[in-house]
Amino acid sequence: MTADAQFLITYLTEVETLAEDLLADKHQMVDLDRKRNSNREALRAVQGGAAADQEQLESEMTRIRRELKVKMNRLNEAQGLHTPCGACGLSDHTSRWKTGAKGLRSRPAVAGGNARDQ
């Protein structure tokens, strides 16, 4: 198998894995939202009995939301999409990237990085 074909397979596998992970988290968010709504109904009926569960669900949803942003940025990066950087606000960090065979973008080599990235 050529290096280009191996790079393409690795790239597509990484994108697919990131997308599946993102979808799993979104499904978990839907399930947690349903539980949260159920807890809200219970809170109205019993006032206070499910307050601890409600706080736990809110905390878990906040954590997942933070992780979703990171995962979405990783997926966009893997697909070569340009998104604003949360740290600096720039919309294009691709000047750090190099274009490889067949126009595929690859990360610049990093000290101790993966062979795929070089």
PDB file of N, CA and C in Angstrom:
ATOM      1  N   MET A   1       0.849  -1.162   0.000  1.00  0.00           N
ATOM      2  CA  MET A   1       0.000   0.000   0.000  1.00  0.00           C
ATOM      3  C   MET A   1       0.905   1.238   0.000  1.00  0.00           C
ATOM      4  N   THR A   2       0.575   2.206  -0.838  1.00  0.00           N
ATOM      5  CA  THR A   2       1.400   3.400  -0.928  1.00  0.00           C
ATOM      6  C   THR A   2       1.213   4.268   0.305  1.00  0.00           C
ATOM      7  N   ALA A   3       2.147   5.174   0.486  1.00  0.00           N
ATOM      8  CA  ALA A   3       2.080   6.089   1.631  1.00  0.00           C
ATOM      9  C   ALA A   3       0.834   6.968   1.537  1.00  0.00           C
ATOM     10  N   ASP A   4       0.486   7.387   0.310  1.00  0.00           N
ATOM     11  CA  ASP A   4      -0.708   8.222   0.121  1.00  0.00           C
ATOM     12  C   ASP A   4      -1.975   7.462   0.510  1.00  0.00           C
ATOM     13  N   ALA A   5      -2.050   6.209   0.111  1.00  0.00           N
ATOM     14  CA  ALA A   5      -3.236   5.405   0.439  1.00  0.00           C
ATOM     15  C   ALA A   5      -3.317   5.173   1.940  1.00  0.00           C
ATOM     16  N   GLN A   6      -2.181   4.897   2.566  1.00  0.00           N
ATOM     17  CA  GLN A   6      -2.159   4.682   4.018  1.00  0.00           C
ATOM     18  C   GLN A   6      -2.570   5.960   4.746  1.00  0.00           C
ATOM     19  N   PHE A   7      -2.055   7.113   4.282  1.00  0.00           N
ATOM     20  CA  PHE A   7      -2.428   8.386   4.898  1.00  0.00           C
ATOM     21  C   PHE A   7      -3.931   8.614   4.768  1.00  0.00           C
ATOM     22  N   LEU A   8      -4.493   8.333   3.601  1.00  0.00           N
ATOM     23  CA  LEU A   8      -5.916   8.528   3.374  1.00  0.00           C
ATOM     24  C   LEU A   8      -6.745   7.622   4.288  1.00  0.00           C
ATOM     25  N   ILE A   9      -6.346   6.374   4.420  1.00  0.00           N
ATOM     26  CA  ILE A   9      -7.058   5.434   5.287  1.00  0.00           C
ATOM     27  C   ILE A   9      -6.992   5.910   6.738  1.00  0.00           C
ATOM     28  N   THR A  10      -5.820   6.326   7.170  1.00  0.00           N
ATOM     29  CA  THR A  10      -5.649   6.825   8.539  1.00  0.00           C
ATOM     30  C   THR A  10      -6.501   8.072   8.759  1.00  0.00           C
ATOM     31  N   TYR A  11      -6.470   8.978   7.806  1.00  0.00           N
ATOM     32  CA  TYR A  11      -7.245  10.212   7.893  1.00  0.00           C
ATOM     33  C   TYR A  11      -8.746   9.907   7.982  1.00  0.00           C
ATOM     34  N   LEU A  12      -9.238   9.071   7.096  1.00  0.00           N
ATOM     35  CA  LEU A  12     -10.665   8.748   7.098  1.00  0.00           C
ATOM     36  C   LEU A  12     -11.074   8.008   8.369  1.00  0.00           C
ATOM     37  N   THR A  13     -10.226   7.148   8.870  1.00  0.00           N
ATOM     38  CA  THR A  13     -10.504   6.441  10.123  1.00  0.00           C
ATOM     39  C   THR A  13     -10.594   7.427  11.275  1.00  0.00           C
ATOM     40  N   GLU A  14      -9.676   8.370  11.316  1.00  0.00           N
ATOM     41  CA  GLU A  14      -9.681   9.377  12.386  1.00  0.00           C
ATOM     42  C   GLU A  14     -10.948  10.238  12.320  1.00  0.00           C
ATOM     43  N   VAL A  15     -11.311  10.684  11.131  1.00  0.00           N
ATOM     44  CA  VAL A  15     -12.518  11.503  10.966  1.00  0.00           C
ATOM     45  C   VAL A  15     -13.754  10.713  11.376  1.00  0.00           C
ATOM     46  N   GLU A  16     -13.848   9.464  10.950  1.00  0.00           N
ATOM     47  CA  GLU A  16     -14.997   8.623  11.295  1.00  0.00           C
ATOM     48  C   GLU A  16     -15.079   8.404  12.801  1.00  0.00           C
ATOM     49  N   THR A  17     -13.958   8.146  13.451  1.00  0.00           N
ATOM     50  CA  THR A  17     -13.928   7.940  14.894  1.00  0.00           C
ATOM     51  C   THR A  17     -14.369   9.200  15.625  1.00  0.00           C
ATOM     52  N   LEU A  18     -13.864  10.348  15.189  1.00  0.00           N
ATOM     53  CA  LEU A  18     -14.258  11.615  15.815  1.00  0.00           C
ATOM     54  C   LEU A  18     -15.752  11.877  15.628  1.00  0.00           C
ATOM     55  N   ALA A  19     -16.259  11.607  14.444  1.00  0.00           N
ATOM     56  CA  ALA A  19     -17.678  11.838  14.170  1.00  0.00           C
ATOM     57  C   ALA A  19     -18.560  10.907  15.009  1.00  0.00           C
ATOM     58  N   GLU A  20     -18.166   9.641  15.132  1.00  0.00           N
ATOM     59  CA  GLU A  20     -18.941   8.700  15.951  1.00  0.00           C
ATOM     60  C   GLU A  20     -18.931   9.113  17.418  1.00  0.00           C
ATOM     61  N   ASP A  21     -17.794   9.545  17.899  1.00  0.00           N
ATOM     62  CA  ASP A  21     -17.673   9.993  19.285  1.00  0.00           C
ATOM     63  C   ASP A  21     -18.556  11.214  19.519  1.00  0.00           C
ATOM     64  N   LEU A  22     -18.565  12.126  18.568  1.00  0.00           N
ATOM     65  CA  LEU A  22     -19.405  13.315  18.653  1.00  0.00           C
ATOM     66  C   LEU A  22     -20.882  12.933  18.676  1.00  0.00           C
ATOM     67  N   LEU A  23     -21.302  12.034  17.805  1.00  0.00           N
ATOM     68  CA  LEU A  23     -22.695  11.595  17.782  1.00  0.00           C
ATOM     69  C   LEU A  23     -23.091  10.892  19.075  1.00  0.00           C
ATOM     70  N   ALA A  24     -22.209  10.091  19.623  1.00  0.00           N
ATOM     71  CA  ALA A  24     -22.503   9.408  20.887  1.00  0.00           C
ATOM     72  C   ALA A  24     -22.731  10.429  22.000  1.00  0.00           C
ATOM     73  N   ASP A  25     -21.902  11.466  22.031  1.00  0.00           N
ATOM     74  CA  ASP A  25     -22.079  12.508  23.046  1.00  0.00           C
ATOM     75  C   ASP A  25     -23.385  13.271  22.838  1.00  0.00           C
ATOM     76  N   LYS A  26     -23.738  13.524  21.593  1.00  0.00           N
ATOM     77  CA  LYS A  26     -24.995  14.228  21.328  1.00  0.00           C
ATOM     78  C   LYS A  26     -26.193  13.381  21.758  1.00  0.00           C
ATOM     79  N   HIS A  27     -26.125  12.074  21.521  1.00  0.00           N
ATOM     80  CA  HIS A  27     -27.196  11.184  21.978  1.00  0.00           C
ATOM     81  C   HIS A  27     -27.277  11.173  23.492  1.00  0.00           C
ATOM     82  N   GLN A  28     -26.121  11.184  24.146  1.00  0.00           N
ATOM     83  CA  GLN A  28     -26.104  11.229  25.607  1.00  0.00           C
ATOM     84  C   GLN A  28     -26.718  12.534  26.100  1.00  0.00           C
ATOM     85  N   MET A  29     -26.450  13.638  25.391  1.00  0.00           N
ATOM     86  CA  MET A  29     -27.049  14.923  25.765  1.00  0.00           C
ATOM     87  C   MET A  29     -28.577  14.855  25.667  1.00  0.00           C
ATOM     88  N   VAL A  30     -29.088  14.227  24.626  1.00  0.00           N
ATOM     89  CA  VAL A  30     -30.543  14.095  24.471  1.00  0.00           C
ATOM     90  C   VAL A  30     -31.116  13.283  25.624  1.00  0.00           C
ATOM     91  N   ASP A  31     -30.465  12.169  25.961  1.00  0.00           N
ATOM     92  CA  ASP A  31     -30.943  11.342  27.080  1.00  0.00           C
ATOM     93  C   ASP A  31     -30.894  12.102  28.392  1.00  0.00           C
ATOM     94  N   LEU A  32     -29.813  12.827  28.628  1.00  0.00           N
ATOM     95  CA  LEU A  32     -29.703  13.604  29.864  1.00  0.00           C
ATOM     96  C   LEU A  32     -30.741  14.724  29.905  1.00  0.00           C
ATOM     97  N   ASP A  33     -31.020  15.327  28.752  1.00  0.00           N
ATOM     98  CA  ASP A  33     -32.032  16.381  28.697  1.00  0.00           C
ATOM     99  C   ASP A  33     -33.414  15.827  29.039  1.00  0.00           C
ATOM    100  N   ARG A  34     -33.715  14.630  28.550  1.00  0.00           N
ATOM    101  CA  ARG A  34     -34.998  13.992  28.888  1.00  0.00           C
ATOM    102  C   ARG A  34     -35.092  13.744  30.394  1.00  0.00           C
ATOM    103  N   LYS A  35     -33.992  13.241  30.970  1.00  0.00           N
ATOM    104  CA  LYS A  35     -33.987  13.006  32.417  1.00  0.00           C
ATOM    105  C   LYS A  35     -34.139  14.317  33.173  1.00  0.00           C
ATOM    106  N   ARG A  36     -33.461  15.353  32.701  1.00  0.00           N
ATOM    107  CA  ARG A  36     -33.548  16.659  33.357  1.00  0.00           C
ATOM    108  C   ARG A  36     -34.982  17.180  33.329  1.00  0.00           C
ATOM    109  N   ASN A  37     -35.628  17.049  32.187  1.00  0.00           N
ATOM    110  CA  ASN A  37     -37.014  17.500  32.087  1.00  0.00           C
ATOM    111  C   ASN A  37     -37.924  16.689  32.999  1.00  0.00           C
ATOM    112  N   SER A  38     -37.679  15.404  33.063  1.00  0.00           N
ATOM    113  CA  SER A  38     -38.448  14.553  33.971  1.00  0.00           C
ATOM    114  C   SER A  38     -38.234  14.992  35.416  1.00  0.00           C
ATOM    115  N   ASN A  39     -36.992  15.297  35.741  1.00  0.00           N
ATOM    116  CA  ASN A  39     -36.698  15.773  37.095  1.00  0.00           C
ATOM    117  C   ASN A  39     -37.371  17.111  37.382  1.00  0.00           C
ATOM    118  N   ARG A  40     -37.433  17.980  36.410  1.00  0.00           N
ATOM    119  CA  ARG A  40     -38.117  19.264  36.601  1.00  0.00           C
ATOM    120  C   ARG A  40     -39.584  19.038  36.949  1.00  0.00           C
ATOM    121  N   GLU A  41     -40.195  18.094  36.236  1.00  0.00           N
ATOM    122  CA  GLU A  41     -41.598  17.782  36.536  1.00  0.00           C
ATOM    123  C   GLU A  41     -41.732  17.240  37.949  1.00  0.00           C
ATOM    124  N   ALA A  42     -40.809  16.363  38.329  1.00  0.00           N
ATOM    125  CA  ALA A  42     -40.850  15.796  39.675  1.00  0.00           C
ATOM    126  C   ALA A  42     -40.609  16.879  40.717  1.00  0.00           C
ATOM    127  N   LEU A  43     -39.723  17.802  40.437  1.00  0.00           N
ATOM    128  CA  LEU A  43     -39.458  18.895  41.381  1.00  0.00           C
ATOM    129  C   LEU A  43     -40.704  19.742  41.606  1.00  0.00           C
ATOM    130  N   ARG A  44     -41.408  20.006  40.539  1.00  0.00           N
ATOM    131  CA  ARG A  44     -42.644  20.776  40.694  1.00  0.00           C
ATOM    132  C   ARG A  44     -43.648  20.025  41.559  1.00  0.00           C
ATOM    133  N   ALA A  45     -43.699  18.721  41.411  1.00  0.00           N
ATOM    134  CA  ALA A  45     -44.672  17.912  42.153  1.00  0.00           C
ATOM    135  C   ALA A  45     -44.244  17.701  43.606  1.00  0.00           C
ATOM    136  N   VAL A  46     -42.980  17.527  43.859  1.00  0.00           N
ATOM    137  CA  VAL A  46     -42.523  17.157  45.195  1.00  0.00           C
ATOM    138  C   VAL A  46     -41.647  18.243  45.841  1.00  0.00           C
ATOM    139  N   GLN A  47     -41.196  19.204  45.109  1.00  0.00           N
ATOM    140  CA  GLN A  47     -40.342  20.297  45.601  1.00  0.00           C
ATOM    141  C   GLN A  47     -39.208  19.819  46.501  1.00  0.00           C
ATOM    142  N   GLY A  48     -38.072  19.580  45.906  1.00  0.00           N
ATOM    143  CA  GLY A  48     -36.871  19.294  46.669  1.00  0.00           C
ATOM    144  C   GLY A  48     -36.395  17.861  46.622  1.00  0.00           C
ATOM    145  N   GLY A  49     -37.259  16.905  46.355  1.00  0.00           N
ATOM    146  CA  GLY A  49     -36.838  15.503  46.387  1.00  0.00           C
ATOM    147  C   GLY A  49     -35.804  15.144  45.342  1.00  0.00           C
ATOM    148  N   ALA A  50     -35.869  15.784  44.181  1.00  0.00           N
ATOM    149  CA  ALA A  50     -34.951  15.435  43.097  1.00  0.00           C
ATOM    150  C   ALA A  50     -33.905  16.524  42.857  1.00  0.00           C
ATOM    151  N   ALA A  51     -33.765  17.440  43.809  1.00  0.00           N
ATOM    152  CA  ALA A  51     -32.838  18.568  43.625  1.00  0.00           C
ATOM    153  C   ALA A  51     -31.398  18.096  43.430  1.00  0.00           C
ATOM    154  N   ALA A  52     -30.966  17.102  44.195  1.00  0.00           N
ATOM    155  CA  ALA A  52     -29.602  16.600  44.065  1.00  0.00           C
ATOM    156  C   ALA A  52     -29.384  15.978  42.688  1.00  0.00           C
ATOM    157  N   ASP A  53     -30.361  15.218  42.201  1.00  0.00           N
ATOM    158  CA  ASP A  53     -30.265  14.626  40.859  1.00  0.00           C
ATOM    159  C   ASP A  53     -30.187  15.719  39.803  1.00  0.00           C
ATOM    160  N   GLN A  54     -30.983  16.759  39.994  1.00  0.00           N
ATOM    161  CA  GLN A  54     -31.013  17.866  39.042  1.00  0.00           C
ATOM    162  C   GLN A  54     -29.636  18.529  38.958  1.00  0.00           C
ATOM    163  N   GLU A  55     -29.010  18.770  40.084  1.00  0.00           N
ATOM    164  CA  GLU A  55     -27.686  19.382  40.092  1.00  0.00           C
ATOM    165  C   GLU A  55     -26.666  18.474  39.414  1.00  0.00           C
ATOM    166  N   GLN A  56     -26.759  17.186  39.664  1.00  0.00           N
ATOM    167  CA  GLN A  56     -25.840  16.222  39.046  1.00  0.00           C
ATOM    168  C   GLN A  56     -26.015  16.219  37.523  1.00  0.00           C
ATOM    169  N   LEU A  57     -27.262  16.211  37.066  1.00  0.00           N
ATOM    170  CA  LEU A  57     -27.516  16.224  35.619  1.00  0.00           C
ATOM    171  C   LEU A  57     -27.003  17.515  34.994  1.00  0.00           C
ATOM    172  N   GLU A  58     -27.231  18.642  35.661  1.00  0.00           N
ATOM    173  CA  GLU A  58     -26.758  19.925  35.140  1.00  0.00           C
ATOM    174  C   GLU A  58     -25.231  19.924  35.036  1.00  0.00           C
ATOM    175  N   SER A  59     -24.585  19.405  36.070  1.00  0.00           N
ATOM    176  CA  SER A  59     -23.126  19.329  36.087  1.00  0.00           C
ATOM    177  C   SER A  59     -22.613  18.440  34.957  1.00  0.00           C
ATOM    178  N   GLU A  60     -23.246  17.283  34.776  1.00  0.00           N
ATOM    179  CA  GLU A  60     -22.840  16.349  33.726  1.00  0.00           C
ATOM    180  C   GLU A  60     -23.049  16.962  32.338  1.00  0.00           C
ATOM    181  N   MET A  61     -24.162  17.652  32.151  1.00  0.00           N
ATOM    182  CA  MET A  61     -24.439  18.277  30.857  1.00  0.00           C
ATOM    183  C   MET A  61     -23.440  19.397  30.571  1.00  0.00           C
ATOM    184  N   THR A  62     -23.088  20.165  31.578  1.00  0.00           N
ATOM    185  CA  THR A  62     -22.096  21.228  31.402  1.00  0.00           C
ATOM    186  C   THR A  62     -20.761  20.643  30.990  1.00  0.00           C
ATOM    187  N   ARG A  63     -20.350  19.545  31.632  1.00  0.00           N
ATOM    188  CA  ARG A  63     -19.099  18.878  31.294  1.00  0.00           C
ATOM    189  C   ARG A  63     -19.121  18.381  29.845  1.00  0.00           C
ATOM    190  N   ILE A  64     -20.221  17.752  29.457  1.00  0.00           N
ATOM    191  CA  ILE A  64     -20.316  17.209  28.098  1.00  0.00           C
ATOM    192  C   ILE A  64     -20.330  18.336  27.068  1.00  0.00           C
ATOM    193  N   ARG A  65     -20.996  19.434  27.380  1.00  0.00           N
ATOM    194  CA  ARG A  65     -20.997  20.573  26.449  1.00  0.00           C
ATOM    195  C   ARG A  65     -19.576  21.070  26.193  1.00  0.00           C
ATOM    196  N   ARG A  66     -18.787  21.181  27.259  1.00  0.00           N
ATOM    197  CA  ARG A  66     -17.392  21.609  27.104  1.00  0.00           C
ATOM    198  C   ARG A  66     -16.637  20.620  26.222  1.00  0.00           C
ATOM    199  N   GLU A  67     -16.831  19.337  26.471  1.00  0.00           N
ATOM    200  CA  GLU A  67     -16.134  18.314  25.689  1.00  0.00           C
ATOM    201  C   GLU A  67     -16.612  18.299  24.237  1.00  0.00           C
ATOM    202  N   LEU A  68     -17.893  18.567  24.022  1.00  0.00           N
ATOM    203  CA  LEU A  68     -18.418  18.604  22.650  1.00  0.00           C
ATOM    204  C   LEU A  68     -17.725  19.689  21.838  1.00  0.00           C
ATOM    205  N   LYS A  69     -17.492  20.839  22.449  1.00  0.00           N
ATOM    206  CA  LYS A  69     -16.821  21.922  21.731  1.00  0.00           C
ATOM    207  C   LYS A  69     -15.430  21.489  21.299  1.00  0.00           C
ATOM    208  N   VAL A  70     -14.706  20.857  22.204  1.00  0.00           N
ATOM    209  CA  VAL A  70     -13.351  20.388  21.892  1.00  0.00           C
ATOM    210  C   VAL A  70     -13.404  19.337  20.788  1.00  0.00           C
ATOM    211  N   LYS A  71     -14.329  18.389  20.911  1.00  0.00           N
ATOM    212  CA  LYS A  71     -14.431  17.319  19.913  1.00  0.00           C
ATOM    213  C   LYS A  71     -14.852  17.864  18.555  1.00  0.00           C
ATOM    214  N   MET A  72     -15.761  18.836  18.561  1.00  0.00           N
ATOM    215  CA  MET A  72     -16.207  19.437  17.301  1.00  0.00           C
ATOM    216  C   MET A  72     -15.039  20.158  16.634  1.00  0.00           C
ATOM    217  N   ASN A  73     -14.233  20.862  17.423  1.00  0.00           N
ATOM    218  CA  ASN A  73     -13.070  21.539  16.861  1.00  0.00           C
ATOM    219  C   ASN A  73     -12.071  20.541  16.297  1.00  0.00           C
ATOM    220  N   ARG A  74     -11.873  19.409  16.986  1.00  0.00           N
ATOM    221  CA  ARG A  74     -10.962  18.369  16.482  1.00  0.00           C
ATOM    222  C   ARG A  74     -11.474  17.802  15.167  1.00  0.00           C
ATOM    223  N   LEU A  75     -12.790  17.552  15.103  1.00  0.00           N
ATOM    224  CA  LEU A  75     -13.374  17.014  13.875  1.00  0.00           C
ATOM    225  C   LEU A  75     -13.228  18.030  12.746  1.00  0.00           C
ATOM    226  N   ASN A  76     -13.546  19.287  13.006  1.00  0.00           N
ATOM    227  CA  ASN A  76     -13.393  20.322  11.981  1.00  0.00           C
ATOM    228  C   ASN A  76     -11.946  20.430  11.531  1.00  0.00           C
ATOM    229  N   GLU A  77     -11.021  20.357  12.479  1.00  0.00           N
ATOM    230  CA  GLU A  77      -9.605  20.423  12.152  1.00  0.00           C
ATOM    231  C   GLU A  77      -9.205  19.234  11.275  1.00  0.00           C
ATOM    232  N   ALA A  78      -9.669  18.046  11.640  1.00  0.00           N
ATOM    233  CA  ALA A  78      -9.333  16.849  10.871  1.00  0.00           C
ATOM    234  C   ALA A  78      -9.891  16.926   9.453  1.00  0.00           C
ATOM    235  N   GLN A  79     -11.028  17.605   9.308  1.00  0.00           N
ATOM    236  CA  GLN A  79     -11.645  17.732   7.987  1.00  0.00           C
ATOM    237  C   GLN A  79     -11.128  18.951   7.233  1.00  0.00           C
ATOM    238  N   GLY A  80     -10.236  19.717   7.863  1.00  0.00           N
ATOM    239  CA  GLY A  80      -9.673  20.887   7.193  1.00  0.00           C
ATOM    240  C   GLY A  80     -10.610  22.072   7.160  1.00  0.00           C
ATOM    241  N   LEU A  81     -11.623  22.080   8.027  1.00  0.00           N
ATOM    242  CA  LEU A  81     -12.553  23.205   8.072  1.00  0.00           C
ATOM    243  C   LEU A  81     -11.956  24.320   8.917  1.00  0.00           C
ATOM    244  N   HIS A  82     -12.312  25.530   8.594  1.00  0.00           N
ATOM    245  CA  HIS A  82     -11.787  26.683   9.319  1.00  0.00           C
ATOM    246  C   HIS A  82     -12.837  27.163  10.317  1.00  0.00           C
ATOM    247  N   THR A  83     -12.483  27.157  11.572  1.00  0.00           N
ATOM    248  CA  THR A  83     -13.388  27.654  12.602  1.00  0.00           C
ATOM    249  C   THR A  83     -12.636  28.669  13.443  1.00  0.00           C
ATOM    250  N   PRO A  84     -13.336  29.649  13.992  1.00  0.00           N
ATOM    251  CA  PRO A  84     -12.657  30.634  14.824  1.00  0.00           C
ATOM    252  C   PRO A  84     -12.014  29.970  16.027  1.00  0.00           C
ATOM    253  N   CYS A  85     -10.830  30.414  16.338  1.00  0.00           N
ATOM    254  CA  CYS A  85     -10.099  29.902  17.490  1.00  0.00           C
ATOM    255  C   CYS A  85     -10.645  30.563  18.737  1.00  0.00           C
ATOM    256  N   GLY A  86     -11.027  29.768  19.730  1.00  0.00           N
ATOM    257  CA  GLY A  86     -11.556  30.317  20.970  1.00  0.00           C
ATOM    258  C   GLY A  86     -10.523  31.110  21.736  1.00  0.00           C
ATOM    259  N   ALA A  87      -9.245  30.796  21.551  1.00  0.00           N
ATOM    260  CA  ALA A  87      -8.200  31.474  22.304  1.00  0.00           C
ATOM    261  C   ALA A  87      -7.846  32.834  21.709  1.00  0.00           C
ATOM    262  N   CYS A  88      -7.744  32.886  20.379  1.00  0.00           N
ATOM    263  CA  CYS A  88      -7.267  34.135  19.779  1.00  0.00           C
ATOM    264  C   CYS A  88      -8.276  34.773  18.834  1.00  0.00           C
ATOM    265  N   GLY A  89      -9.317  34.041  18.427  1.00  0.00           N
ATOM    266  CA  GLY A  89     -10.337  34.604  17.554  1.00  0.00           C
ATOM    267  C   GLY A  89     -10.002  34.558  16.077  1.00  0.00           C
ATOM    268  N   LEU A  90      -8.808  34.089  15.722  1.00  0.00           N
ATOM    269  CA  LEU A  90      -8.455  33.987  14.307  1.00  0.00           C
ATOM    270  C   LEU A  90      -9.274  32.891  13.658  1.00  0.00           C
ATOM    271  N   SER A  91      -9.626  33.085  12.406  1.00  0.00           N
ATOM    272  CA  SER A  91     -10.441  32.076  11.742  1.00  0.00           C
ATOM    273  C   SER A  91      -9.612  31.135  10.891  1.00  0.00           C
ATOM    274  N   ASP A  92      -8.314  31.397  10.757  1.00  0.00           N
ATOM    275  CA  ASP A  92      -7.533  30.543   9.874  1.00  0.00           C
ATOM    276  C   ASP A  92      -6.157  30.297  10.469  1.00  0.00           C
ATOM    277  N   HIS A  93      -5.955  29.095  10.947  1.00  0.00           N
ATOM    278  CA  HIS A  93      -4.654  28.693  11.446  1.00  0.00           C
ATOM    279  C   HIS A  93      -3.981  27.738  10.465  1.00  0.00           C
ATOM    280  N   THR A  94      -4.496  27.689   9.245  1.00  0.00           N
ATOM    281  CA  THR A  94      -3.987  26.716   8.282  1.00  0.00           C
ATOM    282  C   THR A  94      -2.601  27.064   7.780  1.00  0.00           C
ATOM    283  N   SER A  95      -2.123  28.264   8.057  1.00  0.00           N
ATOM    284  CA  SER A  95      -0.771  28.593   7.612  1.00  0.00           C
ATOM    285  C   SER A  95       0.247  27.702   8.301  1.00  0.00           C
ATOM    286  N   ARG A  96      -0.134  27.093   9.430  1.00  0.00           N
ATOM    287  CA  ARG A  96       0.736  26.160  10.124  1.00  0.00           C
ATOM    288  C   ARG A  96       0.721  24.794   9.449  1.00  0.00           C
ATOM    289  N   TRP A  97      -0.225  24.559   8.581  1.00  0.00           N
ATOM    290  CA  TRP A  97      -0.395  23.245   7.955  1.00  0.00           C
ATOM    291  C   TRP A  97       0.316  23.230   6.618  1.00  0.00           C
ATOM    292  N   LYS A  98       0.684  22.055   6.188  1.00  0.00           N
ATOM    293  CA  LYS A  98       1.294  21.917   4.880  1.00  0.00           C
ATOM    294  C   LYS A  98       0.397  21.041   4.017  1.00  0.00           C
ATOM    295  N   THR A  99       0.406  21.290   2.730  1.00  0.00           N
ATOM    296  CA  THR A  99      -0.399  20.494   1.821  1.00  0.00           C
ATOM    297  C   THR A  99       0.457  19.354   1.306  1.00  0.00           C
ATOM    298  N   GLY A 100      -0.058  18.146   1.455  1.00  0.00           N
ATOM    299  CA  GLY A 100       0.674  16.956   1.025  1.00  0.00           C
ATOM    300  C   GLY A 100       0.198  16.479  -0.322  1.00  0.00           C
ATOM    301  N   ALA A 101       0.406  15.205  -0.575  1.00  0.00           N
ATOM    302  CA  ALA A 101       0.013  14.599  -1.843  1.00  0.00           C
ATOM    303  C   ALA A 101      -1.486  14.717  -2.052  1.00  0.00           C
ATOM    304  N   LYS A 102      -1.871  14.959  -3.269  1.00  0.00           N
ATOM    305  CA  LYS A 102      -3.279  15.043  -3.668  1.00  0.00           C
ATOM    306  C   LYS A 102      -4.031  16.122  -2.903  1.00  0.00           C
ATOM    307  N   GLY A 103      -3.325  17.155  -2.421  1.00  0.00           N
ATOM    308  CA  GLY A 103      -3.983  18.282  -1.785  1.00  0.00           C
ATOM    309  C   GLY A 103      -4.469  18.015  -0.378  1.00  0.00           C
ATOM    310  N   LEU A 104      -4.181  16.830   0.192  1.00  0.00           N
ATOM    311  CA  LEU A 104      -4.612  16.547   1.559  1.00  0.00           C
ATOM    312  C   LEU A 104      -3.755  17.346   2.525  1.00  0.00           C
ATOM    313  N   ARG A 105      -4.381  17.854   3.556  1.00  0.00           N
ATOM    314  CA  ARG A 105      -3.650  18.647   4.523  1.00  0.00           C
ATOM    315  C   ARG A 105      -3.158  17.746   5.645  1.00  0.00           C
ATOM    316  N   SER A 106      -1.969  18.009   6.097  1.00  0.00           N
ATOM    317  CA  SER A 106      -1.416  17.239   7.202  1.00  0.00           C
ATOM    318  C   SER A 106      -0.819  18.205   8.209  1.00  0.00           C
ATOM    319  N   ARG A 107      -0.766  17.759   9.439  1.00  0.00           N
ATOM    320  CA  ARG A 107      -0.219  18.601  10.493  1.00  0.00           C
ATOM    321  C   ARG A 107       1.287  18.727  10.306  1.00  0.00           C
ATOM    322  N   PRO A 108       1.845  19.860  10.749  1.00  0.00           N
ATOM    323  CA  PRO A 108       3.291  19.994  10.699  1.00  0.00           C
ATOM    324  C   PRO A 108       3.937  19.054  11.694  1.00  0.00           C
ATOM    325  N   ALA A 109       5.161  18.677  11.428  1.00  0.00           N
ATOM    326  CA  ALA A 109       5.873  17.773  12.328  1.00  0.00           C
ATOM    327  C   ALA A 109       6.096  18.451  13.672  1.00  0.00           C
ATOM    328  N   VAL A 110       5.918  17.688  14.731  1.00  0.00           N
ATOM    329  CA  VAL A 110       6.111  18.188  16.084  1.00  0.00           C
ATOM    330  C   VAL A 110       7.139  17.300  16.759  1.00  0.00           C
ATOM    331  N   ALA A 111       7.901  17.867  17.643  1.00  0.00           N
ATOM    332  CA  ALA A 111       8.890  17.068  18.348  1.00  0.00           C
ATOM    333  C   ALA A 111       8.176  15.941  19.086  1.00  0.00           C
ATOM    334  N   GLY A 112       8.562  14.712  18.808  1.00  0.00           N
ATOM    335  CA  GLY A 112       7.943  13.559  19.455  1.00  0.00           C
ATOM    336  C   GLY A 112       6.577  13.233  18.909  1.00  0.00           C
ATOM    337  N   GLY A 113       6.198  13.810  17.752  1.00  0.00           N
ATOM    338  CA  GLY A 113       4.864  13.594  17.199  1.00  0.00           C
ATOM    339  C   GLY A 113       4.752  12.270  16.477  1.00  0.00           C
ATOM    340  N   ASN A 114       3.584  11.996  15.950  1.00  0.00           N
ATOM    341  CA  ASN A 114       3.318  10.760  15.216  1.00  0.00           C
ATOM    342  C   ASN A 114       3.993  10.802  13.861  1.00  0.00           C
ATOM    343  N   ALA A 115       4.339   9.637  13.353  1.00  0.00           N
ATOM    344  CA  ALA A 115       4.933   9.546  12.025  1.00  0.00           C
ATOM    345  C   ALA A 115       3.931   9.994  10.973  1.00  0.00           C
ATOM    346  N   ARG A 116       2.664   9.782  11.216  1.00  0.00           N
ATOM    347  CA  ARG A 116       1.618  10.188  10.269  1.00  0.00           C
ATOM    348  C   ARG A 116       1.619  11.686  10.071  1.00  0.00           C
ATOM    349  N   ASP A 117       1.956  12.440  11.106  1.00  0.00           N
ATOM    350  CA  ASP A 117       1.914  13.888  11.048  1.00  0.00           C
ATOM    351  C   ASP A 117       3.104  14.494  10.324  1.00  0.00           C
ATOM    352  N   GLN A 118       4.091  13.677  10.026  1.00  0.00           N
ATOM    353  CA  GLN A 118       5.311  14.222   9.433  1.00  0.00           C
ATOM    354  C   GLN A 118       5.337  14.078   7.943  1.00  0.00           C
TER     355      GLN A 118
END
